[in-house]
């Protein structure tokens, strides 16, 4: 691994510890090499929104569609995709 890769991995590990140890998130592991890895884990998100947050299924469908549309826009770079994801509104 290059120096840059090592620095990036160390930063990612610190972020994982922050979310897991201080914010109470469940860490699902490093999925970098997992088959069908995605930046939007639709099944997990759908289950959470419907079962735990109590959102109506139709609203969940629209939200996931809009999220995936913005996150996977190949006409923009990763930074701008992330920026648009945080602007998503399901109105």
Protein backbone atom coordinates (compact mmCIF):
# COMPACT_ATOMS: atom_id res chain seq x y z
CA UNK A 1 0.00 0.00 0.00
CA UNK A 2 1.28 3.46 -0.86
CA UNK A 3 1.90 6.15 1.76
CA UNK A 4 -1.28 7.92 0.66
CA UNK A 5 -3.27 4.69 0.96
CA UNK A 6 -1.91 4.09 4.46
CA UNK A 7 -2.80 7.63 5.54
CA UNK A 8 -6.31 7.29 4.07
CA UNK A 9 -6.86 3.92 5.81
CA UNK A 10 -5.68 5.36 9.14
CA UNK A 11 -8.12 8.27 8.72
CA UNK A 12 -10.96 5.88 7.87
CA UNK A 13 -10.16 3.79 10.96
CA UNK A 14 -10.38 6.91 13.16
CA UNK A 15 -13.76 7.78 11.64
CA UNK A 16 -15.02 4.23 12.22
CA UNK A 17 -13.98 4.44 15.88
CA UNK A 18 -15.73 7.81 16.25
CA UNK A 19 -19.00 6.54 14.80
CA UNK A 20 -18.86 3.20 16.60
CA UNK A 21 -17.50 4.18 20.02
CA UNK A 22 -18.85 7.69 20.49
CA UNK A 23 -21.95 7.92 18.32
CA UNK A 24 -23.29 4.39 18.84
CA UNK A 25 -23.30 3.22 15.22
CA UNK A 26 -22.96 -0.48 14.41
CA UNK A 27 -19.87 -1.16 12.28
CA UNK A 28 -20.57 -3.73 9.57
CA UNK A 29 -16.94 -4.20 8.58
CA UNK A 30 -14.81 -3.26 5.58
CA UNK A 31 -16.91 -4.04 2.51
CA UNK A 32 -14.34 -2.79 0.02
CA UNK A 33 -13.98 -6.19 -1.66
CA UNK A 34 -17.55 -7.41 -1.07
CA UNK A 35 -19.60 -8.48 -4.08
CA UNK A 36 -22.30 -5.96 -5.00
CA UNK A 37 -20.79 -3.33 -2.73
CA UNK A 38 -22.66 -0.05 -3.09
CA UNK A 39 -22.55 3.44 -1.67
CA UNK A 40 -26.28 3.02 -0.94
CA UNK A 41 -27.13 -0.24 0.83
CA UNK A 42 -30.75 -0.32 -0.26
CA UNK A 43 -31.87 -3.33 1.79
CA UNK A 44 -30.44 -2.03 5.05
CA UNK A 45 -31.76 1.47 4.42
CA UNK A 46 -35.24 0.23 3.42
CA UNK A 47 -35.48 -2.01 6.50
CA UNK A 48 -34.44 0.80 8.81
CA UNK A 49 -36.78 3.39 7.32
CA UNK A 50 -39.81 1.09 7.26
CA UNK A 51 -39.34 -1.06 10.36
CA UNK A 52 -37.55 1.25 12.78
CA UNK A 53 -38.44 4.75 11.62
CA UNK A 54 -41.99 3.86 10.59
CA UNK A 55 -41.89 5.59 7.22
CA UNK A 56 -44.52 4.69 4.62
CA UNK A 57 -43.21 2.35 1.92
CA UNK A 58 -44.10 4.72 -0.95
CA UNK A 59 -42.10 7.52 0.67
CA UNK A 60 -39.16 5.14 1.25
CA UNK A 61 -39.21 4.10 -2.43
CA UNK A 62 -39.08 7.73 -3.56
CA UNK A 63 -36.35 8.61 -1.08
CA UNK A 64 -34.13 5.69 -2.08
CA UNK A 65 -34.65 6.41 -5.78
CA UNK A 66 -33.66 10.07 -5.35
CA UNK A 67 -30.70 9.17 -3.16
CA UNK A 68 -29.38 6.62 -5.66
CA UNK A 69 -29.94 8.99 -8.58
CA UNK A 70 -27.77 11.66 -6.96
CA UNK A 71 -25.16 9.28 -5.53
CA UNK A 72 -24.61 7.46 -8.85
CA UNK A 73 -24.56 10.41 -11.24
CA UNK A 74 -21.65 9.62 -13.56
CA UNK A 75 -21.70 13.11 -15.08
CA UNK A 76 -20.33 14.55 -11.82
CA UNK A 77 -17.34 13.79 -9.65
CA UNK A 78 -17.61 12.14 -6.23
CA UNK A 79 -17.41 15.45 -4.36
CA UNK A 80 -20.33 16.95 -6.29
CA UNK A 81 -22.38 13.74 -6.00
CA UNK A 82 -21.93 13.83 -2.22
CA UNK A 83 -22.87 17.51 -2.16
CA UNK A 84 -26.10 16.80 -4.06
CA UNK A 85 -26.96 13.81 -1.82
CA UNK A 86 -27.09 16.15 1.16
CA UNK A 87 -29.47 18.46 -0.72
CA UNK A 88 -31.96 15.68 -1.59
CA UNK A 89 -35.54 16.46 -0.69
CA UNK A 90 -38.39 14.01 -1.19
CA UNK A 91 -41.16 16.58 -1.39
